[in-house]
Amino acid sequence: MLAAGIPANLIDAPASDAAQFDSEALWERVRSQVKAGDHVLIVRGTTQQSSADNQALMNGRPWLADQLSAMGVRVDTVVSYQRRAPVFNSEQMVWIEAARRDGSVWLFSSSEAIENLCHRVPQIDWSSAKAIATHPRIAQAARRAGFGVVCESRPLLSDVVTSIESML
Protein backbone atom coordinates (compact mmCIF):
# COMPACT_ATOMS: atom_id res chain seq x y z
CA MET A 1 0.00 0.00 0.00
CA LEU A 2 2.94 2.29 0.60
CA ALA A 3 4.00 1.74 -3.02
CA ALA A 4 0.52 2.88 -4.09
CA GLY A 5 1.12 6.19 -2.32
CA ILE A 6 -0.97 5.59 0.79
CA PRO A 7 0.72 7.29 3.76
CA ALA A 8 1.89 4.90 6.49
CA ASN A 9 -0.20 6.70 9.12
CA LEU A 10 -3.35 5.70 7.22
CA ILE A 11 -2.52 1.99 7.15
CA ASP A 12 -3.74 -0.12 10.06
CA ALA A 13 -2.18 -3.48 10.80
CA PRO A 14 -1.70 -5.63 13.86
CA ALA A 15 1.06 -4.41 16.17
CA SER A 16 4.48 -5.70 15.14
CA ASP A 17 4.80 -7.40 18.54
CA ALA A 18 1.36 -9.05 18.34
CA ALA A 19 1.34 -12.78 19.01
CA GLN A 20 -0.47 -13.31 15.71
CA PHE A 21 -1.32 -11.24 12.65
CA ASP A 22 -4.99 -12.16 12.51
CA SER A 23 -8.40 -10.52 12.70
CA GLU A 24 -8.29 -10.37 16.48
CA ALA A 25 -4.96 -8.55 16.49
CA LEU A 26 -6.17 -6.12 13.83
CA TRP A 27 -9.35 -5.52 15.83
CA GLU A 28 -7.23 -4.47 18.82
CA ARG A 29 -5.77 -1.70 16.64
CA VAL A 30 -8.92 -0.45 14.93
CA ARG A 31 -11.83 -0.93 17.34
CA SER A 32 -11.44 2.55 18.83
CA GLN A 33 -11.46 4.11 15.34
CA VAL A 34 -14.86 2.83 14.19
CA LYS A 35 -18.34 3.84 15.26
CA ALA A 36 -21.95 3.12 14.32
CA GLY A 37 -22.72 4.45 10.87
CA ASP A 38 -19.18 4.02 9.53
CA HIS A 39 -18.68 2.08 6.31
CA VAL A 40 -15.89 -0.52 6.04
CA LEU A 41 -14.78 -2.46 2.98
CA ILE A 42 -13.15 -5.85 3.57
CA VAL A 43 -11.03 -7.12 0.69
CA ARG A 44 -10.82 -10.90 0.56
CA GLY A 45 -10.50 -13.92 -1.67
CA THR A 46 -12.59 -16.81 -2.83
CA THR A 47 -11.85 -20.45 -3.28
CA GLN A 48 -12.83 -22.15 -6.50
CA GLN A 49 -14.74 -25.27 -5.51
CA SER A 50 -15.11 -26.91 -8.89
CA SER A 51 -13.31 -26.22 -12.12
CA ALA A 52 -16.22 -27.82 -14.02
CA ASP A 53 -18.79 -25.22 -12.97
CA ASN A 54 -16.45 -22.41 -11.87
CA GLN A 55 -18.18 -22.12 -8.52
CA ALA A 56 -16.39 -19.89 -6.07
CA LEU A 57 -17.14 -19.44 -2.39
CA MET A 58 -16.14 -16.69 0.00
CA ASN A 59 -13.58 -18.08 2.31
CA GLY A 60 -12.21 -17.18 5.66
CA ARG A 61 -13.72 -16.41 8.99
CA PRO A 62 -16.35 -13.68 9.24
CA TRP A 63 -15.09 -12.72 12.73
CA LEU A 64 -13.93 -9.16 11.92
CA ALA A 65 -17.04 -8.38 9.87
CA ASP A 66 -19.16 -9.70 12.75
CA GLN A 67 -17.41 -7.40 15.25
CA LEU A 68 -17.90 -4.40 12.99
CA SER A 69 -21.54 -5.21 12.29
CA ALA A 70 -22.24 -5.61 16.01
CA MET A 71 -21.06 -2.01 16.46
CA GLY A 72 -23.44 -0.77 13.78
CA VAL A 73 -20.78 -0.45 11.09
CA ARG A 74 -21.87 -1.13 7.51
CA VAL A 75 -19.60 -3.83 6.10
CA ASP A 76 -19.15 -4.61 2.43
CA THR A 77 -16.76 -7.13 0.93
CA VAL A 78 -15.01 -7.28 -2.40
CA VAL A 79 -13.23 -10.26 -3.91
CA SER A 80 -9.72 -9.42 -5.07
CA TYR A 81 -8.21 -12.86 -5.67
CA GLN A 82 -9.14 -16.50 -6.09
CA ARG A 83 -7.47 -19.50 -4.51
CA ARG A 84 -7.42 -22.85 -6.27
CA ALA A 85 -6.38 -26.25 -5.02
CA PRO A 86 -3.10 -27.47 -6.48
CA VAL A 87 -2.84 -30.22 -9.04
CA PHE A 88 0.38 -32.17 -8.61
CA ASN A 89 2.21 -33.86 -11.48
CA SER A 90 4.04 -37.17 -11.01
CA GLU A 91 7.38 -35.48 -10.27
CA GLN A 92 5.79 -33.34 -7.56
CA MET A 93 4.10 -36.41 -6.07
CA VAL A 94 7.51 -38.09 -5.76
CA TRP A 95 8.88 -34.95 -4.07
CA ILE A 96 5.91 -34.80 -1.65
CA GLU A 97 6.33 -38.46 -0.73
CA ALA A 98 10.06 -37.97 -0.08
CA ALA A 99 9.60 -34.72 1.84
CA ARG A 100 7.13 -36.23 4.26
CA ARG A 101 9.80 -38.61 5.62
CA ASP A 102 13.25 -37.13 4.84
CA GLY A 103 13.36 -34.50 7.59
CA SER A 104 11.99 -31.67 5.47
CA VAL A 105 10.10 -29.01 7.40
CA TRP A 106 6.75 -27.99 5.91
CA LEU A 107 5.77 -24.34 6.45
CA PHE A 108 2.03 -23.62 6.51
CA SER A 109 0.43 -20.19 6.68
CA SER A 110 -3.03 -21.47 5.81
CA SER A 111 -5.28 -24.25 7.09
CA GLU A 112 -6.67 -24.44 3.59
CA ALA A 113 -3.21 -25.35 2.26
CA ILE A 114 -3.08 -28.33 4.62
CA GLU A 115 -6.59 -29.41 3.66
CA ASN A 116 -5.74 -29.16 -0.05
CA LEU A 117 -2.52 -31.13 0.40
CA CYS A 118 -4.28 -33.92 2.29
CA HIS A 119 -7.14 -33.97 -0.21
CA ARG A 120 -4.76 -34.26 -3.18
CA VAL A 121 -2.57 -36.95 -1.58
CA PRO A 122 -4.90 -38.82 0.80
CA GLN A 123 -2.75 -41.95 0.80
CA ILE A 124 0.17 -40.27 2.60
CA ASP A 125 0.82 -40.90 6.27
CA TRP A 126 2.17 -37.64 7.71
CA SER A 127 3.18 -39.07 11.10
CA SER A 128 6.90 -38.74 10.37
CA ALA A 129 6.59 -35.26 8.86
CA LYS A 130 7.48 -31.94 10.54
CA ALA A 131 5.41 -28.78 10.13
CA ILE A 132 5.60 -25.16 11.20
CA ALA A 133 2.29 -23.33 11.43
CA THR A 134 1.99 -19.56 11.64
CA HIS A 135 -1.21 -19.57 13.70
CA PRO A 136 -2.74 -21.84 16.36
CA ARG A 137 -5.69 -22.72 14.06
CA ILE A 138 -3.24 -23.77 11.36
CA ALA A 139 -1.27 -25.84 13.87
CA GLN A 140 -4.50 -27.55 14.89
CA ALA A 141 -5.22 -28.38 11.22
CA ALA A 142 -1.71 -29.86 10.86
CA ARG A 143 -2.22 -32.01 13.94
CA ARG A 144 -5.61 -33.19 12.64
CA ALA A 145 -3.91 -34.09 9.35
CA GLY A 146 -1.50 -36.29 11.30
CA PHE A 147 1.77 -34.36 11.09
CA GLY A 148 4.10 -35.96 13.62
CA VAL A 149 5.78 -32.77 14.81
CA VAL A 150 4.00 -29.41 14.69
CA CYS A 151 5.63 -26.19 15.83
CA GLU A 152 3.71 -22.93 16.13
CA SER A 153 5.51 -19.77 15.03
CA ARG A 154 4.68 -16.13 14.64
CA PRO A 155 4.64 -15.28 10.92
CA LEU A 156 7.65 -12.95 11.05
CA LEU A 157 10.58 -14.24 9.02
CA SER A 158 12.95 -14.16 11.99
CA ASP A 159 10.51 -16.24 14.07
CA VAL A 160 9.97 -18.75 11.26
CA VAL A 161 13.75 -19.13 10.80
CA THR A 162 14.17 -19.71 14.56
CA SER A 163 11.41 -22.34 14.44
CA ILE A 164 13.03 -24.12 11.51
CA GLU A 165 16.40 -24.10 13.25
CA SER A 166 14.82 -25.57 16.38
CA MET A 167 13.44 -28.47 14.36
CA LEU A 168 16.70 -29.42 12.66
C-alpha atoms as a PDB file:
ATOM      1  CA  MET A   1       0.000   0.000   0.000  1.00  0.00           C
ATOM      2  CA  LEU A   2       2.937   2.288   0.604  1.00  0.00           C
ATOM      3  CA  ALA A   3       3.999   1.736  -3.015  1.00  0.00           C
ATOM      4  CA  ALA A   4       0.524   2.883  -4.089  1.00  0.00           C
ATOM      5  CA  GLY A   5       1.122   6.194  -2.320  1.00  0.00           C
ATOM      6  CA  ILE A   6      -0.967   5.594   0.788  1.00  0.00           C
ATOM      7  CA  PRO A   7       0.724   7.290   3.759  1.00  0.00           C
ATOM      8  CA  ALA A   8       1.894   4.902   6.493  1.00  0.00           C
ATOM      9  CA  ASN A   9      -0.199   6.704   9.123  1.00  0.00           C
ATOM     10  CA  LEU A  10      -3.352   5.696   7.215  1.00  0.00           C
ATOM     11  CA  ILE A  11      -2.518   1.988   7.153  1.00  0.00           C
ATOM     12  CA  ASP A  12      -3.740  -0.115  10.060  1.00  0.00           C
ATOM     13  CA  ALA A  13      -2.180  -3.477  10.802  1.00  0.00           C
ATOM     14  CA  PRO A  14      -1.700  -5.635  13.862  1.00  0.00           C
ATOM     15  CA  ALA A  15       1.057  -4.412  16.167  1.00  0.00           C
ATOM     16  CA  SER A  16       4.477  -5.699  15.141  1.00  0.00           C
ATOM     17  CA  ASP A  17       4.803  -7.399  18.539  1.00  0.00           C
ATOM     18  CA  ALA A  18       1.362  -9.054  18.337  1.00  0.00           C
ATOM     19  CA  ALA A  19       1.340 -12.781  19.007  1.00  0.00           C
ATOM     20  CA  GLN A  20      -0.471 -13.311  15.707  1.00  0.00           C
ATOM     21  CA  PHE A  21      -1.317 -11.241  12.655  1.00  0.00           C
ATOM     22  CA  ASP A  22      -4.992 -12.164  12.513  1.00  0.00           C
ATOM     23  CA  SER A  23      -8.399 -10.519  12.702  1.00  0.00           C
ATOM     24  CA  GLU A  24      -8.295 -10.373  16.484  1.00  0.00           C
ATOM     25  CA  ALA A  25      -4.955  -8.554  16.486  1.00  0.00           C
ATOM     26  CA  LEU A  26      -6.168  -6.121  13.830  1.00  0.00           C
ATOM     27  CA  TRP A  27      -9.348  -5.523  15.826  1.00  0.00           C
ATOM     28  CA  GLU A  28      -7.232  -4.475  18.823  1.00  0.00           C
ATOM     29  CA  ARG A  29      -5.769  -1.703  16.639  1.00  0.00           C
ATOM     30  CA  VAL A  30      -8.920  -0.451  14.929  1.00  0.00           C
ATOM     31  CA  ARG A  31     -11.833  -0.933  17.337  1.00  0.00           C
ATOM     32  CA  SER A  32     -11.445   2.552  18.829  1.00  0.00           C
ATOM     33  CA  GLN A  33     -11.462   4.109  15.340  1.00  0.00           C
ATOM     34  CA  VAL A  34     -14.859   2.826  14.188  1.00  0.00           C
ATOM     35  CA  LYS A  35     -18.342   3.845  15.259  1.00  0.00           C
ATOM     36  CA  ALA A  36     -21.946   3.116  14.315  1.00  0.00           C
ATOM     37  CA  GLY A  37     -22.716   4.445  10.865  1.00  0.00           C
ATOM     38  CA  ASP A  38     -19.181   4.020   9.528  1.00  0.00           C
ATOM     39  CA  HIS A  39     -18.678   2.077   6.308  1.00  0.00           C
ATOM     40  CA  VAL A  40     -15.893  -0.521   6.035  1.00  0.00           C
ATOM     41  CA  LEU A  41     -14.776  -2.456   2.978  1.00  0.00           C
ATOM     42  CA  ILE A  42     -13.151  -5.849   3.568  1.00  0.00           C
ATOM     43  CA  VAL A  43     -11.029  -7.124   0.686  1.00  0.00           C
ATOM     44  CA  ARG A  44     -10.822 -10.898   0.562  1.00  0.00           C
ATOM     45  CA  GLY A  45     -10.501 -13.921  -1.668  1.00  0.00           C
ATOM     46  CA  THR A  46     -12.586 -16.810  -2.829  1.00  0.00           C
ATOM     47  CA  THR A  47     -11.850 -20.454  -3.280  1.00  0.00           C
ATOM     48  CA  GLN A  48     -12.827 -22.154  -6.503  1.00  0.00           C
ATOM     49  CA  GLN A  49     -14.735 -25.270  -5.510  1.00  0.00           C
ATOM     50  CA  SER A  50     -15.114 -26.914  -8.885  1.00  0.00           C
ATOM     51  CA  SER A  51     -13.315 -26.220 -12.123  1.00  0.00           C
ATOM     52  CA  ALA A  52     -16.224 -27.816 -14.023  1.00  0.00           C
ATOM     53  CA  ASP A  53     -18.786 -25.224 -12.967  1.00  0.00           C
ATOM     54  CA  ASN A  54     -16.450 -22.407 -11.869  1.00  0.00           C
ATOM     55  CA  GLN A  55     -18.175 -22.118  -8.516  1.00  0.00           C
ATOM     56  CA  ALA A  56     -16.386 -19.893  -6.069  1.00  0.00           C
ATOM     57  CA  LEU A  57     -17.144 -19.442  -2.392  1.00  0.00           C
ATOM     58  CA  MET A  58     -16.142 -16.691  -0.003  1.00  0.00           C
ATOM     59  CA  ASN A  59     -13.578 -18.084   2.310  1.00  0.00           C
ATOM     60  CA  GLY A  60     -12.207 -17.175   5.660  1.00  0.00           C
ATOM     61  CA  ARG A  61     -13.719 -16.410   8.992  1.00  0.00           C
ATOM     62  CA  PRO A  62     -16.346 -13.677   9.241  1.00  0.00           C
ATOM     63  CA  TRP A  63     -15.088 -12.715  12.727  1.00  0.00           C
ATOM     64  CA  LEU A  64     -13.931  -9.162  11.918  1.00  0.00           C
ATOM     65  CA  ALA A  65     -17.041  -8.383   9.870  1.00  0.00           C
ATOM     66  CA  ASP A  66     -19.162  -9.700  12.752  1.00  0.00           C
ATOM     67  CA  GLN A  67     -17.412  -7.401  15.248  1.00  0.00           C
ATOM     68  CA  LEU A  68     -17.898  -4.399  12.993  1.00  0.00           C
ATOM     69  CA  SER A  69     -21.543  -5.211  12.288  1.00  0.00           C
ATOM     70  CA  ALA A  70     -22.245  -5.613  16.012  1.00  0.00           C
ATOM     71  CA  MET A  71     -21.058  -2.008  16.461  1.00  0.00           C
ATOM     72  CA  GLY A  72     -23.440  -0.771  13.779  1.00  0.00           C
ATOM     73  CA  VAL A  73     -20.780  -0.449  11.087  1.00  0.00           C
ATOM     74  CA  ARG A  74     -21.873  -1.126   7.510  1.00  0.00           C
ATOM     75  CA  VAL A  75     -19.598  -3.832   6.105  1.00  0.00           C
ATOM     76  CA  ASP A  76     -19.155  -4.611   2.426  1.00  0.00           C
ATOM     77  CA  THR A  77     -16.761  -7.130   0.928  1.00  0.00           C
ATOM     78  CA  VAL A  78     -15.013  -7.285  -2.402  1.00  0.00           C
ATOM     79  CA  VAL A  79     -13.229 -10.262  -3.906  1.00  0.00           C
ATOM     80  CA  SER A  80      -9.722  -9.420  -5.069  1.00  0.00           C
ATOM     81  CA  TYR A  81      -8.214 -12.860  -5.673  1.00  0.00           C
ATOM     82  CA  GLN A  82      -9.138 -16.496  -6.089  1.00  0.00           C
ATOM     83  CA  ARG A  83      -7.469 -19.504  -4.507  1.00  0.00           C
ATOM     84  CA  ARG A  84      -7.421 -22.847  -6.267  1.00  0.00           C
ATOM     85  CA  ALA A  85      -6.383 -26.248  -5.020  1.00  0.00           C
ATOM     86  CA  PRO A  86      -3.099 -27.469  -6.479  1.00  0.00           C
ATOM     87  CA  VAL A  87      -2.840 -30.215  -9.042  1.00  0.00           C
ATOM     88  CA  PHE A  88       0.375 -32.175  -8.606  1.00  0.00           C
ATOM     89  CA  ASN A  89       2.213 -33.859 -11.480  1.00  0.00           C
ATOM     90  CA  SER A  90       4.039 -37.167 -11.010  1.00  0.00           C
ATOM     91  CA  GLU A  91       7.384 -35.483 -10.270  1.00  0.00           C
ATOM     92  CA  GLN A  92       5.788 -33.343  -7.564  1.00  0.00           C
ATOM     93  CA  MET A  93       4.101 -36.407  -6.074  1.00  0.00           C
ATOM     94  CA  VAL A  94       7.510 -38.090  -5.756  1.00  0.00           C
ATOM     95  CA  TRP A  95       8.876 -34.948  -4.074  1.00  0.00           C
ATOM     96  CA  ILE A  96       5.912 -34.796  -1.650  1.00  0.00           C
ATOM     97  CA  GLU A  97       6.333 -38.458  -0.728  1.00  0.00           C
ATOM     98  CA  ALA A  98      10.065 -37.971  -0.080  1.00  0.00           C
ATOM     99  CA  ALA A  99       9.604 -34.715   1.838  1.00  0.00           C
ATOM    100  CA  ARG A 100       7.129 -36.235   4.256  1.00  0.00           C
ATOM    101  CA  ARG A 101       9.805 -38.607   5.624  1.00  0.00           C
ATOM    102  CA  ASP A 102      13.245 -37.128   4.841  1.00  0.00           C
ATOM    103  CA  GLY A 103      13.359 -34.500   7.590  1.00  0.00           C
ATOM    104  CA  SER A 104      11.988 -31.669   5.466  1.00  0.00           C
ATOM    105  CA  VAL A 105      10.098 -29.014   7.396  1.00  0.00           C
ATOM    106  CA  TRP A 106       6.755 -27.992   5.913  1.00  0.00           C
ATOM    107  CA  LEU A 107       5.766 -24.338   6.452  1.00  0.00           C
ATOM    108  CA  PHE A 108       2.033 -23.623   6.514  1.00  0.00           C
ATOM    109  CA  SER A 109       0.427 -20.192   6.679  1.00  0.00           C
ATOM    110  CA  SER A 110      -3.034 -21.474   5.806  1.00  0.00           C
ATOM    111  CA  SER A 111      -5.277 -24.248   7.094  1.00  0.00           C
ATOM    112  CA  GLU A 112      -6.671 -24.445   3.588  1.00  0.00           C
ATOM    113  CA  ALA A 113      -3.214 -25.352   2.256  1.00  0.00           C
ATOM    114  CA  ILE A 114      -3.083 -28.331   4.622  1.00  0.00           C
ATOM    115  CA  GLU A 115      -6.590 -29.414   3.656  1.00  0.00           C
ATOM    116  CA  ASN A 116      -5.736 -29.161  -0.053  1.00  0.00           C
ATOM    117  CA  LEU A 117      -2.521 -31.134   0.397  1.00  0.00           C
ATOM    118  CA  CYS A 118      -4.282 -33.923   2.290  1.00  0.00           C
ATOM    119  CA  HIS A 119      -7.136 -33.974  -0.207  1.00  0.00           C
ATOM    120  CA  ARG A 120      -4.760 -34.261  -3.179  1.00  0.00           C
ATOM    121  CA  VAL A 121      -2.574 -36.953  -1.577  1.00  0.00           C
ATOM    122  CA  PRO A 122      -4.900 -38.818   0.802  1.00  0.00           C
ATOM    123  CA  GLN A 123      -2.746 -41.952   0.799  1.00  0.00           C
ATOM    124  CA  ILE A 124       0.165 -40.273   2.595  1.00  0.00           C
ATOM    125  CA  ASP A 125       0.820 -40.902   6.273  1.00  0.00           C
ATOM    126  CA  TRP A 126       2.167 -37.637   7.714  1.00  0.00           C
ATOM    127  CA  SER A 127       3.175 -39.066  11.105  1.00  0.00           C
ATOM    128  CA  SER A 128       6.900 -38.745  10.374  1.00  0.00           C
ATOM    129  CA  ALA A 129       6.594 -35.258   8.856  1.00  0.00           C
ATOM    130  CA  LYS A 130       7.476 -31.942  10.536  1.00  0.00           C
ATOM    131  CA  ALA A 131       5.408 -28.780  10.134  1.00  0.00           C
ATOM    132  CA  ILE A 132       5.602 -25.158  11.195  1.00  0.00           C
ATOM    133  CA  ALA A 133       2.294 -23.331  11.432  1.00  0.00           C
ATOM    134  CA  THR A 134       1.994 -19.565  11.638  1.00  0.00           C
ATOM    135  CA  HIS A 135      -1.209 -19.573  13.705  1.00  0.00           C
ATOM    136  CA  PRO A 136      -2.745 -21.840  16.363  1.00  0.00           C
ATOM    137  CA  ARG A 137      -5.694 -22.723  14.061  1.00  0.00           C
ATOM    138  CA  ILE A 138      -3.237 -23.766  11.355  1.00  0.00           C
ATOM    139  CA  ALA A 139      -1.271 -25.841  13.865  1.00  0.00           C
ATOM    140  CA  GLN A 140      -4.501 -27.546  14.889  1.00  0.00           C
ATOM    141  CA  ALA A 141      -5.219 -28.383  11.224  1.00  0.00           C
ATOM    142  CA  ALA A 142      -1.706 -29.860  10.855  1.00  0.00           C
ATOM    143  CA  ARG A 143      -2.217 -32.011  13.939  1.00  0.00           C
ATOM    144  CA  ARG A 144      -5.607 -33.192  12.642  1.00  0.00           C
ATOM    145  CA  ALA A 145      -3.911 -34.094   9.346  1.00  0.00           C
ATOM    146  CA  GLY A 146      -1.505 -36.290  11.298  1.00  0.00           C
ATOM    147  CA  PHE A 147       1.766 -34.359  11.091  1.00  0.00           C
ATOM    148  CA  GLY A 148       4.098 -35.959  13.618  1.00  0.00           C
ATOM    149  CA  VAL A 149       5.781 -32.768  14.811  1.00  0.00           C
ATOM    150  CA  VAL A 150       3.998 -29.412  14.686  1.00  0.00           C
ATOM    151  CA  CYS A 151       5.628 -26.188  15.834  1.00  0.00           C
ATOM    152  CA  GLU A 152       3.713 -22.926  16.133  1.00  0.00           C
ATOM    153  CA  SER A 153       5.510 -19.770  15.029  1.00  0.00           C
ATOM    154  CA  ARG A 154       4.685 -16.129  14.641  1.00  0.00           C
ATOM    155  CA  PRO A 155       4.643 -15.284  10.924  1.00  0.00           C
ATOM    156  CA  LEU A 156       7.651 -12.946  11.051  1.00  0.00           C
ATOM    157  CA  LEU A 157      10.579 -14.243   9.017  1.00  0.00           C
ATOM    158  CA  SER A 158      12.947 -14.162  11.985  1.00  0.00           C
ATOM    159  CA  ASP A 159      10.507 -16.238  14.067  1.00  0.00           C
ATOM    160  CA  VAL A 160       9.966 -18.751  11.259  1.00  0.00           C
ATOM    161  CA  VAL A 161      13.750 -19.125  10.805  1.00  0.00           C
ATOM    162  CA  THR A 162      14.171 -19.710  14.556  1.00  0.00           C
ATOM    163  CA  SER A 163      11.413 -22.339  14.439  1.00  0.00           C
ATOM    164  CA  ILE A 164      13.035 -24.122  11.511  1.00  0.00           C
ATOM    165  CA  GLU A 165      16.403 -24.105  13.252  1.00  0.00           C
ATOM    166  CA  SER A 166      14.821 -25.568  16.382  1.00  0.00           C
ATOM    167  CA  MET A 167      13.436 -28.473  14.361  1.00  0.00           C
ATOM    168  CA  LEU A 168      16.702 -29.424  12.660  1.00  0.00           C
END
